[in-house]
Amino acid sequence: MEADQSLLPASRIQPTPQKRLQAVLRTAWRFRAFYLMLLPGVIYFIIFRYFPMYGVIIAFKNFAIMDGITGSAWADPWYKHFKEFYQSPYFSQLLSNTLLISCYKLIWGTFPPIILALLLNECRVRWLKSIVQTLTYLPHFLSWVIIFGILLTLFSQNGGLVNRWIVEAGGESIPFLTSTDYFRSILVGSEVWQNLGWGAIIYLAAMASIDPTLYEAAKVDGASRLRMIWHISLPGIQSIIVLLFILKLGHLLDAGFDQIYILYNIQVYPVADILDTWVYRTGLQQLNFSLASAVGLFKSLIGLILVLGANRLAKKWGEGIW
């Protein structure tokens, strides 16, 4: 026998769907200015992020440009293009190169911005802090074409500044940009250099939100600067570090197509050829769009699994994204 709603406590009365809708509409109208500001971003993501997901079905079809997506025949079997990618003689090399380059960038690209942000946060000379910040985040706005020109000037085997120093010191010139021994180091180092200052800005913004009374109390207790960094600054930006780390994990199979495509050459294919560059040559240049879509879907699924797994692991320490 159902209880009379009028006899139940107010906290246990379930609102009707109509009342819920009215509450939602009242809330939306109350914050209408914020929703209007949010609207352009939502429209952008719907048009350029969600609507193109319809094209994922190309991975399961023998896509032909003249027939279009709906007119193209379904692949038989449905995993035909995934199998073609997996059975490629370059699959293991491509996957290992992609993972190694991404992991190197993830590891070496995480700590330098944090260290730089800590140093800038402790710097009390304002003009020096401003100069260092400007010099370190300017490379972020340079294209990889310009950075390649800088690397060519520094590391070219014939006439490069570094090789000129080596030769003048009595050594032999080193093919930094065409050697399989050095190319990955050039890739990772140039990426760290480009994003060093930009990453530090994010951590500096997080440190600005730390309660200054914590530092004052630590000074009263006689804590050194290193102690304050370890016990106040780092815990204060812990959530940002975890957030950025999880987001970077989602792009673990990207490895940086723009950078590698501009910097690499046929001599370093064994250590520099990644999934994206292979897809560009094999999938797009040969108009095999179904294969390219299959590899893209494969990367997206792996990225989703990594993000979900990392977030679940981070939640055990209370630092998950959701």
C-alpha atoms as a PDB file:
ATOM      1  CA  MET A   1       0.000   0.000   0.000  1.00  0.00           C
ATOM      2  CA  GLU A   2       1.560   3.296  -1.079  1.00  0.00           C
ATOM      3  CA  ALA A   3       2.086   5.915   1.561  1.00  0.00           C
ATOM      4  CA  ASP A   4       0.269   9.233   1.295  1.00  0.00           C
ATOM      5  CA  GLN A   5       2.734  11.871  -0.041  1.00  0.00           C
ATOM      6  CA  SER A   6       1.301  14.435   2.355  1.00  0.00           C
ATOM      7  CA  LEU A   7       2.260  12.277   5.366  1.00  0.00           C
ATOM      8  CA  LEU A   8       5.909  11.781   4.249  1.00  0.00           C
ATOM      9  CA  PRO A   9       8.733  14.093   5.382  1.00  0.00           C
ATOM     10  CA  ALA A  10       9.566  16.865   2.913  1.00  0.00           C
ATOM     11  CA  SER A  11      13.026  15.345   2.301  1.00  0.00           C
ATOM     12  CA  ARG A  12      11.444  12.058   1.089  1.00  0.00           C
ATOM     13  CA  ILE A  13       8.883  13.531  -1.297  1.00  0.00           C
ATOM     14  CA  GLN A  14       9.958  12.805  -4.870  1.00  0.00           C
ATOM     15  CA  PRO A  15       9.369  15.742  -7.249  1.00  0.00           C
ATOM     16  CA  THR A  16       7.329  15.027 -10.336  1.00  0.00           C
ATOM     17  CA  PRO A  17       8.981  15.209 -13.798  1.00  0.00           C
ATOM     18  CA  GLN A  18       7.065  18.417 -14.461  1.00  0.00           C
ATOM     19  CA  LYS A  19       8.460  20.064 -11.333  1.00  0.00           C
ATOM     20  CA  ARG A  20      11.966  18.889 -12.197  1.00  0.00           C
ATOM     21  CA  LEU A  21      11.668  20.441 -15.651  1.00  0.00           C
ATOM     22  CA  GLN A  22      10.406  23.687 -14.134  1.00  0.00           C
ATOM     23  CA  ALA A  23      13.362  23.734 -11.711  1.00  0.00           C
ATOM     24  CA  VAL A  24      15.814  23.187 -14.567  1.00  0.00           C
ATOM     25  CA  LEU A  25      14.231  25.964 -16.633  1.00  0.00           C
ATOM     26  CA  ARG A  26      14.290  28.360 -13.672  1.00  0.00           C
ATOM     27  CA  THR A  27      17.977  27.610 -13.100  1.00  0.00           C
ATOM     28  CA  ALA A  28      18.755  28.050 -16.805  1.00  0.00           C
ATOM     29  CA  TRP A  29      16.940  31.383 -16.893  1.00  0.00           C
ATOM     30  CA  ARG A  30      18.728  32.531 -13.737  1.00  0.00           C
ATOM     31  CA  PHE A  31      22.141  31.861 -15.275  1.00  0.00           C
ATOM     32  CA  ARG A  32      21.138  32.722 -18.844  1.00  0.00           C
ATOM     33  CA  ALA A  33      24.096  35.093 -19.313  1.00  0.00           C
ATOM     34  CA  PHE A  34      26.572  32.291 -18.553  1.00  0.00           C
ATOM     35  CA  TYR A  35      24.807  29.878 -20.885  1.00  0.00           C
ATOM     36  CA  LEU A  36      24.877  32.443 -23.693  1.00  0.00           C
ATOM     37  CA  MET A  37      28.646  32.823 -23.231  1.00  0.00           C
ATOM     38  CA  LEU A  38      28.961  29.036 -23.256  1.00  0.00           C
ATOM     39  CA  LEU A  39      26.876  28.632 -26.415  1.00  0.00           C
ATOM     40  CA  PRO A  40      29.613  29.423 -29.040  1.00  0.00           C
ATOM     41  CA  GLY A  41      31.931  26.840 -27.494  1.00  0.00           C
ATOM     42  CA  VAL A  42      29.179  24.212 -27.423  1.00  0.00           C
ATOM     43  CA  ILE A  43      28.307  24.894 -31.074  1.00  0.00           C
ATOM     44  CA  TYR A  44      31.985  24.623 -32.034  1.00  0.00           C
ATOM     45  CA  PHE A  45      32.356  21.217 -30.366  1.00  0.00           C
ATOM     46  CA  ILE A  46      29.116  19.913 -31.877  1.00  0.00           C
ATOM     47  CA  ILE A  47      30.109  20.931 -35.407  1.00  0.00           C
ATOM     48  CA  PHE A  48      33.829  20.131 -35.381  1.00  0.00           C
ATOM     49  CA  ARG A  49      34.112  17.399 -32.719  1.00  0.00           C
ATOM     50  CA  TYR A  50      30.887  15.433 -32.385  1.00  0.00           C
ATOM     51  CA  PHE A  51      29.347  15.655 -35.846  1.00  0.00           C
ATOM     52  CA  PRO A  52      32.518  14.305 -37.575  1.00  0.00           C
ATOM     53  CA  MET A  53      32.246  11.169 -35.407  1.00  0.00           C
ATOM     54  CA  TYR A  54      29.740   9.984 -37.989  1.00  0.00           C
ATOM     55  CA  GLY A  55      32.717   9.405 -40.289  1.00  0.00           C
ATOM     56  CA  VAL A  56      34.036   6.674 -37.979  1.00  0.00           C
ATOM     57  CA  ILE A  57      31.992   4.144 -39.935  1.00  0.00           C
ATOM     58  CA  ILE A  58      34.485   4.597 -42.788  1.00  0.00           C
ATOM     59  CA  ALA A  59      36.764   2.276 -40.810  1.00  0.00           C
ATOM     60  CA  PHE A  60      34.239  -0.516 -41.397  1.00  0.00           C
ATOM     61  CA  LYS A  61      33.619   0.197 -45.093  1.00  0.00           C
ATOM     62  CA  ASN A  62      35.487   0.023 -48.378  1.00  0.00           C
ATOM     63  CA  PHE A  63      35.197   3.769 -48.742  1.00  0.00           C
ATOM     64  CA  ALA A  64      35.136   5.274 -52.218  1.00  0.00           C
ATOM     65  CA  ILE A  65      35.050   9.036 -52.685  1.00  0.00           C
ATOM     66  CA  MET A  66      32.574   8.922 -55.577  1.00  0.00           C
ATOM     67  CA  ASP A  67      30.143   6.714 -53.622  1.00  0.00           C
ATOM     68  CA  GLY A  68      30.322   8.678 -50.381  1.00  0.00           C
ATOM     69  CA  ILE A  69      30.059   7.301 -46.865  1.00  0.00           C
ATOM     70  CA  THR A  70      26.552   5.892 -47.155  1.00  0.00           C
ATOM     71  CA  GLY A  71      27.022   4.546 -50.688  1.00  0.00           C
ATOM     72  CA  SER A  72      30.291   2.713 -50.018  1.00  0.00           C
ATOM     73  CA  ALA A  73      30.112  -1.034 -49.442  1.00  0.00           C
ATOM     74  CA  TRP A  74      30.706  -2.539 -46.020  1.00  0.00           C
ATOM     75  CA  ALA A  75      34.055  -4.259 -45.522  1.00  0.00           C
ATOM     76  CA  ASP A  76      34.011  -8.066 -45.437  1.00  0.00           C
ATOM     77  CA  PRO A  77      34.858  -8.994 -42.755  1.00  0.00           C
ATOM     78  CA  TRP A  78      34.058  -5.864 -40.760  1.00  0.00           C
ATOM     79  CA  TYR A  79      37.548  -5.813 -39.205  1.00  0.00           C
ATOM     80  CA  LYS A  80      39.285  -5.999 -42.594  1.00  0.00           C
ATOM     81  CA  HIS A  81      41.157  -2.678 -42.286  1.00  0.00           C
ATOM     82  CA  PHE A  82      42.133  -3.310 -38.664  1.00  0.00           C
ATOM     83  CA  LYS A  83      43.545  -6.681 -39.745  1.00  0.00           C
ATOM     84  CA  GLU A  84      45.410  -5.042 -42.614  1.00  0.00           C
ATOM     85  CA  PHE A  85      47.000  -2.593 -40.191  1.00  0.00           C
ATOM     86  CA  TYR A  86      47.849  -5.316 -37.663  1.00  0.00           C
ATOM     87  CA  GLN A  87      49.387  -7.580 -40.319  1.00  0.00           C
ATOM     88  CA  SER A  88      51.491  -4.784 -41.783  1.00  0.00           C
ATOM     89  CA  PRO A  89      55.221  -5.649 -41.536  1.00  0.00           C
ATOM     90  CA  TYR A  90      55.760  -2.253 -39.913  1.00  0.00           C
ATOM     91  CA  PHE A  91      53.120  -2.629 -37.166  1.00  0.00           C
ATOM     92  CA  SER A  92      55.459  -3.546 -34.288  1.00  0.00           C
ATOM     93  CA  GLN A  93      58.026  -0.930 -35.299  1.00  0.00           C
ATOM     94  CA  LEU A  94      55.402   1.797 -35.632  1.00  0.00           C
ATOM     95  CA  LEU A  95      53.777   0.979 -32.317  1.00  0.00           C
ATOM     96  CA  SER A  96      57.079   0.751 -30.423  1.00  0.00           C
ATOM     97  CA  ASN A  97      58.349   4.018 -31.941  1.00  0.00           C
ATOM     98  CA  THR A  98      55.098   5.785 -31.072  1.00  0.00           C
ATOM     99  CA  LEU A  99      55.062   4.520 -27.488  1.00  0.00           C
ATOM    100  CA  LEU A 100      58.755   5.194 -26.878  1.00  0.00           C
ATOM    101  CA  ILE A 101      58.683   8.745 -28.243  1.00  0.00           C
ATOM    102  CA  SER A 102      55.446   9.530 -26.377  1.00  0.00           C
ATOM    103  CA  CYS A 103      56.737   8.103 -23.094  1.00  0.00           C
ATOM    104  CA  TYR A 104      60.002  10.010 -23.414  1.00  0.00           C
ATOM    105  CA  LYS A 105      58.074  13.229 -24.021  1.00  0.00           C
ATOM    106  CA  LEU A 106      55.691  12.466 -21.158  1.00  0.00           C
ATOM    107  CA  ILE A 107      58.481  11.787 -18.659  1.00  0.00           C
ATOM    108  CA  TRP A 108      60.951  14.488 -19.699  1.00  0.00           C
ATOM    109  CA  GLY A 109      58.213  17.003 -20.392  1.00  0.00           C
ATOM    110  CA  THR A 110      56.508  16.729 -17.001  1.00  0.00           C
ATOM    111  CA  PHE A 111      59.183  17.707 -14.496  1.00  0.00           C
ATOM    112  CA  PRO A 112      61.039  20.670 -16.126  1.00  0.00           C
ATOM    113  CA  PRO A 113      57.937  22.955 -16.178  1.00  0.00           C
ATOM    114  CA  ILE A 114      57.259  22.122 -12.516  1.00  0.00           C
ATOM    115  CA  ILE A 115      60.860  22.893 -11.538  1.00  0.00           C
ATOM    116  CA  LEU A 116      60.836  26.137 -13.537  1.00  0.00           C
ATOM    117  CA  ALA A 117      57.535  27.185 -11.959  1.00  0.00           C
ATOM    118  CA  LEU A 118      58.910  26.508  -8.468  1.00  0.00           C
ATOM    119  CA  LEU A 119      62.039  28.545  -9.207  1.00  0.00           C
ATOM    120  CA  LEU A 120      60.025  31.453 -10.610  1.00  0.00           C
ATOM    121  CA  ASN A 121      57.655  31.314  -7.656  1.00  0.00           C
ATOM    122  CA  GLU A 122      60.613  31.653  -5.285  1.00  0.00           C
ATOM    123  CA  CYS A 123      62.234  34.439  -7.305  1.00  0.00           C
ATOM    124  CA  ARG A 124      61.885  37.797  -5.548  1.00  0.00           C
ATOM    125  CA  VAL A 125      63.502  39.903  -8.314  1.00  0.00           C
ATOM    126  CA  ARG A 126      60.455  40.847 -10.353  1.00  0.00           C
ATOM    127  CA  TRP A 127      62.246  42.095 -13.482  1.00  0.00           C
ATOM    128  CA  LEU A 128      64.341  38.919 -13.657  1.00  0.00           C
ATOM    129  CA  LYS A 129      61.226  36.788 -13.211  1.00  0.00           C
ATOM    130  CA  SER A 130      59.452  38.624 -16.046  1.00  0.00           C
ATOM    131  CA  ILE A 131      62.404  38.250 -18.416  1.00  0.00           C
ATOM    132  CA  VAL A 132      62.781  34.532 -17.721  1.00  0.00           C
ATOM    133  CA  GLN A 133      59.051  33.942 -18.166  1.00  0.00           C
ATOM    134  CA  THR A 134      59.006  35.786 -21.485  1.00  0.00           C
ATOM    135  CA  LEU A 135      62.070  33.999 -22.856  1.00  0.00           C
ATOM    136  CA  THR A 136      60.810  30.557 -21.841  1.00  0.00           C
ATOM    137  CA  TYR A 137      57.242  30.765 -23.141  1.00  0.00           C
ATOM    138  CA  LEU A 138      58.031  32.502 -26.460  1.00  0.00           C
ATOM    139  CA  PRO A 139      59.064  29.217 -28.187  1.00  0.00           C
ATOM    140  CA  HIS A 140      55.531  27.924 -27.639  1.00  0.00           C
ATOM    141  CA  PHE A 141      54.319  30.330 -30.345  1.00  0.00           C
ATOM    142  CA  LEU A 142      56.912  29.238 -32.919  1.00  0.00           C
ATOM    143  CA  SER A 143      55.848  26.783 -35.620  1.00  0.00           C
ATOM    144  CA  TRP A 144      57.794  23.577 -36.099  1.00  0.00           C
ATOM    145  CA  VAL A 145      59.012  24.890 -39.446  1.00  0.00           C
ATOM    146  CA  ILE A 146      60.809  27.741 -37.668  1.00  0.00           C
ATOM    147  CA  ILE A 147      62.091  25.410 -34.954  1.00  0.00           C
ATOM    148  CA  PHE A 148      63.408  23.055 -37.635  1.00  0.00           C
ATOM    149  CA  GLY A 149      65.362  25.982 -39.092  1.00  0.00           C
ATOM    150  CA  ILE A 150      66.839  26.679 -35.647  1.00  0.00           C
ATOM    151  CA  LEU A 151      67.752  23.009 -35.168  1.00  0.00           C
ATOM    152  CA  LEU A 152      69.296  22.917 -38.634  1.00  0.00           C
ATOM    153  CA  THR A 153      71.434  25.930 -37.779  1.00  0.00           C
ATOM    154  CA  LEU A 154      72.584  24.298 -34.552  1.00  0.00           C
ATOM    155  CA  PHE A 155      72.893  20.594 -35.393  1.00  0.00           C
ATOM    156  CA  SER A 156      73.490  20.357 -39.144  1.00  0.00           C
ATOM    157  CA  GLN A 157      76.422  18.081 -39.921  1.00  0.00           C
ATOM    158  CA  ASN A 158      77.802  20.550 -42.448  1.00  0.00           C
ATOM    159  CA  GLY A 159      78.066  24.001 -40.943  1.00  0.00           C
ATOM    160  CA  GLY A 160      75.964  23.507 -37.828  1.00  0.00           C
ATOM    161  CA  LEU A 161      77.087  25.604 -34.864  1.00  0.00           C
ATOM    162  CA  VAL A 162      77.469  22.634 -32.505  1.00  0.00           C
ATOM    163  CA  ASN A 163      79.409  20.593 -35.062  1.00  0.00           C
ATOM    164  CA  ARG A 164      81.690  23.556 -35.758  1.00  0.00           C
ATOM    165  CA  TRP A 165      82.574  23.654 -32.063  1.00  0.00           C
ATOM    166  CA  ILE A 166      83.202  19.911 -32.064  1.00  0.00           C
ATOM    167  CA  VAL A 167      85.443  20.077 -35.148  1.00  0.00           C
ATOM    168  CA  GLU A 168      87.357  23.069 -33.794  1.00  0.00           C
ATOM    169  CA  ALA A 169      87.898  21.119 -30.567  1.00  0.00           C
ATOM    170  CA  GLY A 170      89.525  18.328 -32.587  1.00  0.00           C
ATOM    171  CA  GLY A 171      86.532  15.965 -32.944  1.00  0.00           C
ATOM    172  CA  GLU A 172      84.487  14.751 -35.886  1.00  0.00           C
ATOM    173  CA  SER A 173      81.139  16.183 -36.929  1.00  0.00           C
ATOM    174  CA  ILE A 174      78.078  14.231 -35.763  1.00  0.00           C
ATOM    175  CA  PRO A 175      74.965  13.709 -37.950  1.00  0.00           C
ATOM    176  CA  PHE A 176      72.499  14.656 -35.223  1.00  0.00           C
ATOM    177  CA  LEU A 177      69.501  15.066 -37.549  1.00  0.00           C
ATOM    178  CA  THR A 178      70.139  11.989 -39.697  1.00  0.00           C
ATOM    179  CA  SER A 179      71.440   9.535 -37.100  1.00  0.00           C
ATOM    180  CA  THR A 180      69.207   6.937 -35.453  1.00  0.00           C
ATOM    181  CA  ASP A 181      71.285   7.346 -32.283  1.00  0.00           C
ATOM    182  CA  TYR A 182      70.494  11.018 -31.757  1.00  0.00           C
ATOM    183  CA  PHE A 183      67.223  11.754 -33.554  1.00  0.00           C
ATOM    184  CA  ARG A 184      64.875  10.801 -30.707  1.00  0.00           C
ATOM    185  CA  SER A 185      66.885  12.969 -28.320  1.00  0.00           C
ATOM    186  CA  ILE A 186      66.505  15.904 -30.742  1.00  0.00           C
ATOM    187  CA  LEU A 187      62.741  15.267 -30.918  1.00  0.00           C
ATOM    188  CA  VAL A 188      62.232  15.092 -27.173  1.00  0.00           C
ATOM    189  CA  GLY A 189      64.612  17.947 -26.379  1.00  0.00           C
ATOM    190  CA  SER A 190      63.023  20.335 -28.879  1.00  0.00           C
ATOM    191  CA  GLU A 191      59.531  19.500 -27.589  1.00  0.00           C
ATOM    192  CA  VAL A 192      60.558  20.106 -23.972  1.00  0.00           C
ATOM    193  CA  TRP A 193      62.204  23.401 -24.960  1.00  0.00           C
ATOM    194  CA  GLN A 194      59.122  24.561 -26.869  1.00  0.00           C
ATOM    195  CA  ASN A 195      56.605  23.815 -24.082  1.00  0.00           C
ATOM    196  CA  LEU A 196      58.767  24.535 -21.017  1.00  0.00           C
ATOM    197  CA  GLY A 197      57.589  28.066 -20.314  1.00  0.00           C
ATOM    198  CA  TRP A 198      53.980  27.462 -21.332  1.00  0.00           C
ATOM    199  CA  GLY A 199      53.672  24.541 -18.914  1.00  0.00           C
ATOM    200  CA  ALA A 200      55.285  26.598 -16.149  1.00  0.00           C
ATOM    201  CA  ILE A 201      52.582  29.276 -16.531  1.00  0.00           C
ATOM    202  CA  ILE A 202      49.892  26.724 -15.648  1.00  0.00           C
ATOM    203  CA  TYR A 203      51.715  25.645 -12.492  1.00  0.00           C
ATOM    204  CA  LEU A 204      52.438  29.263 -11.520  1.00  0.00           C
ATOM    205  CA  ALA A 205      48.728  30.035 -11.799  1.00  0.00           C
ATOM    206  CA  ALA A 206      47.994  27.078  -9.518  1.00  0.00           C
ATOM    207  CA  MET A 207      50.588  28.274  -6.980  1.00  0.00           C
ATOM    208  CA  ALA A 208      48.982  31.722  -6.941  1.00  0.00           C
ATOM    209  CA  SER A 209      45.856  30.152  -5.425  1.00  0.00           C
ATOM    210  CA  ILE A 210      47.754  28.703  -2.450  1.00  0.00           C
ATOM    211  CA  ASP A 211      46.869  30.444   0.822  1.00  0.00           C
ATOM    212  CA  PRO A 212      49.826  32.764   1.661  1.00  0.00           C
ATOM    213  CA  THR A 213      49.184  32.300   5.377  1.00  0.00           C
ATOM    214  CA  LEU A 214      50.547  28.761   5.006  1.00  0.00           C
ATOM    215  CA  TYR A 215      53.940  30.183   4.010  1.00  0.00           C
ATOM    216  CA  GLU A 216      53.802  32.726   6.833  1.00  0.00           C
ATOM    217  CA  ALA A 217      53.052  30.009   9.376  1.00  0.00           C
ATOM    218  CA  ALA A 218      55.887  27.892   7.994  1.00  0.00           C
ATOM    219  CA  LYS A 219      58.314  30.827   8.344  1.00  0.00           C
ATOM    220  CA  VAL A 220      57.253  31.312  11.953  1.00  0.00           C
ATOM    221  CA  ASP A 221      57.956  27.621  12.571  1.00  0.00           C
ATOM    222  CA  GLY A 222      61.434  28.074  11.088  1.00  0.00           C
ATOM    223  CA  ALA A 223      60.894  26.110   7.859  1.00  0.00           C
ATOM    224  CA  SER A 224      63.424  26.630   5.095  1.00  0.00           C
ATOM    225  CA  ARG A 225      62.464  27.443   1.516  1.00  0.00           C
ATOM    226  CA  LEU A 226      63.035  23.851   0.453  1.00  0.00           C
ATOM    227  CA  ARG A 227      60.733  22.653   3.237  1.00  0.00           C
ATOM    228  CA  MET A 228      58.027  25.102   2.160  1.00  0.00           C
ATOM    229  CA  ILE A 229      58.350  23.950  -1.457  1.00  0.00           C
ATOM    230  CA  TRP A 230      58.087  20.302  -0.451  1.00  0.00           C
ATOM    231  CA  HIS A 231      55.265  20.628   2.085  1.00  0.00           C
ATOM    232  CA  ILE A 232      53.237  23.585   0.708  1.00  0.00           C
ATOM    233  CA  SER A 233      53.955  24.403  -2.960  1.00  0.00           C
ATOM    234  CA  LEU A 234      54.048  20.871  -4.352  1.00  0.00           C
ATOM    235  CA  PRO A 235      50.953  19.614  -2.448  1.00  0.00           C
ATOM    236  CA  GLY A 236      49.175  22.812  -3.542  1.00  0.00           C
ATOM    237  CA  ILE A 237      49.622  21.981  -7.241  1.00  0.00           C
ATOM    238  CA  GLN A 238      49.273  18.214  -6.880  1.00  0.00           C
ATOM    239  CA  SER A 239      45.781  18.162  -8.390  1.00  0.00           C
ATOM    240  CA  ILE A 240      46.973  20.162 -11.447  1.00  0.00           C
ATOM    241  CA  ILE A 241      49.922  17.810 -11.951  1.00  0.00           C
ATOM    242  CA  VAL A 242      47.609  14.785 -11.875  1.00  0.00           C
ATOM    243  CA  LEU A 243      45.075  16.479 -14.175  1.00  0.00           C
ATOM    244  CA  LEU A 244      47.664  17.343 -16.834  1.00  0.00           C
ATOM    245  CA  PHE A 245      49.251  13.901 -16.555  1.00  0.00           C
ATOM    246  CA  ILE A 246      45.914  12.168 -17.181  1.00  0.00           C
ATOM    247  CA  LEU A 247      45.150  14.425 -20.149  1.00  0.00           C
ATOM    248  CA  LYS A 248      48.589  13.719 -21.634  1.00  0.00           C
ATOM    249  CA  LEU A 249      48.003   9.982 -21.273  1.00  0.00           C
ATOM    250  CA  GLY A 250      45.004  10.301 -23.565  1.00  0.00           C
ATOM    251  CA  HIS A 251      47.374  11.463 -26.320  1.00  0.00           C
ATOM    252  CA  LEU A 252      49.991   8.787 -25.709  1.00  0.00           C
ATOM    253  CA  LEU A 253      49.646   7.403 -29.243  1.00  0.00           C
ATOM    254  CA  ASP A 254      49.889  10.808 -30.928  1.00  0.00           C
ATOM    255  CA  ALA A 255      53.637  11.418 -30.409  1.00  0.00           C
ATOM    256  CA  GLY A 256      53.469  14.706 -32.355  1.00  0.00           C
ATOM    257  CA  PHE A 257      52.809  14.303 -36.076  1.00  0.00           C
ATOM    258  CA  ASP A 258      53.631  17.915 -37.034  1.00  0.00           C
ATOM    259  CA  GLN A 259      57.008  17.860 -35.338  1.00  0.00           C
ATOM    260  CA  ILE A 260      58.112  14.462 -36.625  1.00  0.00           C
ATOM    261  CA  TYR A 261      56.833  14.986 -40.168  1.00  0.00           C
ATOM    262  CA  ILE A 262      58.851  18.202 -40.504  1.00  0.00           C
ATOM    263  CA  LEU A 263      62.019  16.956 -38.767  1.00  0.00           C
ATOM    264  CA  TYR A 264      62.379  13.366 -39.910  1.00  0.00           C
ATOM    265  CA  ASN A 265      63.857  11.892 -43.091  1.00  0.00           C
ATOM    266  CA  ILE A 266      64.163   8.454 -44.659  1.00  0.00           C
ATOM    267  CA  GLN A 267      67.434   7.764 -42.806  1.00  0.00           C
ATOM    268  CA  VAL A 268      65.733   7.872 -39.393  1.00  0.00           C
ATOM    269  CA  TYR A 269      62.542   5.975 -40.303  1.00  0.00           C
ATOM    270  CA  PRO A 270      63.537   2.987 -38.099  1.00  0.00           C
ATOM    271  CA  VAL A 271      63.372   5.153 -34.941  1.00  0.00           C
ATOM    272  CA  ALA A 272      61.093   8.040 -35.979  1.00  0.00           C
ATOM    273  CA  ASP A 273      58.297   6.566 -38.098  1.00  0.00           C
ATOM    274  CA  ILE A 274      55.123   6.594 -35.977  1.00  0.00           C
ATOM    275  CA  LEU A 275      51.485   5.649 -36.521  1.00  0.00           C
ATOM    276  CA  ASP A 276      50.464   9.086 -37.786  1.00  0.00           C
ATOM    277  CA  THR A 277      53.289   9.443 -40.325  1.00  0.00           C
ATOM    278  CA  TRP A 278      52.643   5.913 -41.651  1.00  0.00           C
ATOM    279  CA  VAL A 279      48.923   6.644 -41.946  1.00  0.00           C
ATOM    280  CA  TYR A 280      49.708   9.848 -43.836  1.00  0.00           C
ATOM    281  CA  ARG A 281      51.887   8.019 -46.346  1.00  0.00           C
ATOM    282  CA  THR A 282      49.941   4.774 -46.643  1.00  0.00           C
ATOM    283  CA  GLY A 283      46.398   5.895 -45.905  1.00  0.00           C
ATOM    284  CA  LEU A 284      46.022   9.455 -47.134  1.00  0.00           C
ATOM    285  CA  GLN A 285      48.564   9.766 -49.940  1.00  0.00           C
ATOM    286  CA  GLN A 286      47.293   6.492 -51.419  1.00  0.00           C
ATOM    287  CA  LEU A 287      43.642   7.550 -50.761  1.00  0.00           C
ATOM    288  CA  ASN A 288      43.035   4.573 -48.466  1.00  0.00           C
ATOM    289  CA  PHE A 289      40.753   6.524 -46.154  1.00  0.00           C
ATOM    290  CA  SER A 290      39.260   3.408 -44.566  1.00  0.00           C
ATOM    291  CA  LEU A 291      42.672   2.276 -43.337  1.00  0.00           C
ATOM    292  CA  ALA A 292      43.450   5.748 -42.015  1.00  0.00           C
ATOM    293  CA  SER A 293      40.119   5.838 -40.140  1.00  0.00           C
ATOM    294  CA  ALA A 294      40.715   2.365 -38.695  1.00  0.00           C
ATOM    295  CA  VAL A 295      44.079   3.421 -37.260  1.00  0.00           C
ATOM    296  CA  GLY A 296      42.560   6.638 -35.937  1.00  0.00           C
ATOM    297  CA  LEU A 297      39.775   4.710 -34.210  1.00  0.00           C
ATOM    298  CA  PHE A 298      42.336   2.295 -32.775  1.00  0.00           C
ATOM    299  CA  LYS A 299      44.299   5.219 -31.312  1.00  0.00           C
ATOM    300  CA  SER A 300      41.166   6.819 -29.874  1.00  0.00           C
ATOM    301  CA  LEU A 301      40.080   3.620 -28.119  1.00  0.00           C
ATOM    302  CA  ILE A 302      43.536   3.120 -26.595  1.00  0.00           C
ATOM    303  CA  GLY A 303      43.553   6.750 -25.461  1.00  0.00           C
ATOM    304  CA  LEU A 304      40.101   6.376 -23.883  1.00  0.00           C
ATOM    305  CA  ILE A 305      41.196   3.249 -21.996  1.00  0.00           C
ATOM    306  CA  LEU A 306      44.332   5.000 -20.721  1.00  0.00           C
ATOM    307  CA  VAL A 307      42.399   8.064 -19.540  1.00  0.00           C
ATOM    308  CA  LEU A 308      39.743   5.977 -17.766  1.00  0.00           C
ATOM    309  CA  GLY A 309      42.380   3.759 -16.155  1.00  0.00           C
ATOM    310  CA  ALA A 310      44.566   6.674 -15.042  1.00  0.00           C
ATOM    311  CA  ASN A 311      41.572   8.558 -13.652  1.00  0.00           C
ATOM    312  CA  ARG A 312      40.413   5.513 -11.702  1.00  0.00           C
ATOM    313  CA  LEU A 313      43.905   5.054 -10.298  1.00  0.00           C
ATOM    314  CA  ALA A 314      44.177   8.757  -9.420  1.00  0.00           C
ATOM    315  CA  LYS A 315      40.835   8.652  -7.577  1.00  0.00           C
ATOM    316  CA  LYS A 316      42.403   6.344  -5.003  1.00  0.00           C
ATOM    317  CA  TRP A 317      44.495   9.356  -3.977  1.00  0.00           C
ATOM    318  CA  GLY A 318      41.508  11.689  -4.274  1.00  0.00           C
ATOM    319  CA  GLU A 319      42.794  13.455  -7.412  1.00  0.00           C
ATOM    320  CA  GLY A 320      40.568  12.140 -10.202  1.00  0.00           C
ATOM    321  CA  ILE A 321      39.154  14.391 -12.933  1.00  0.00           C
ATOM    322  CA  TRP A 322      35.584  13.149 -12.372  1.00  0.00           C
END
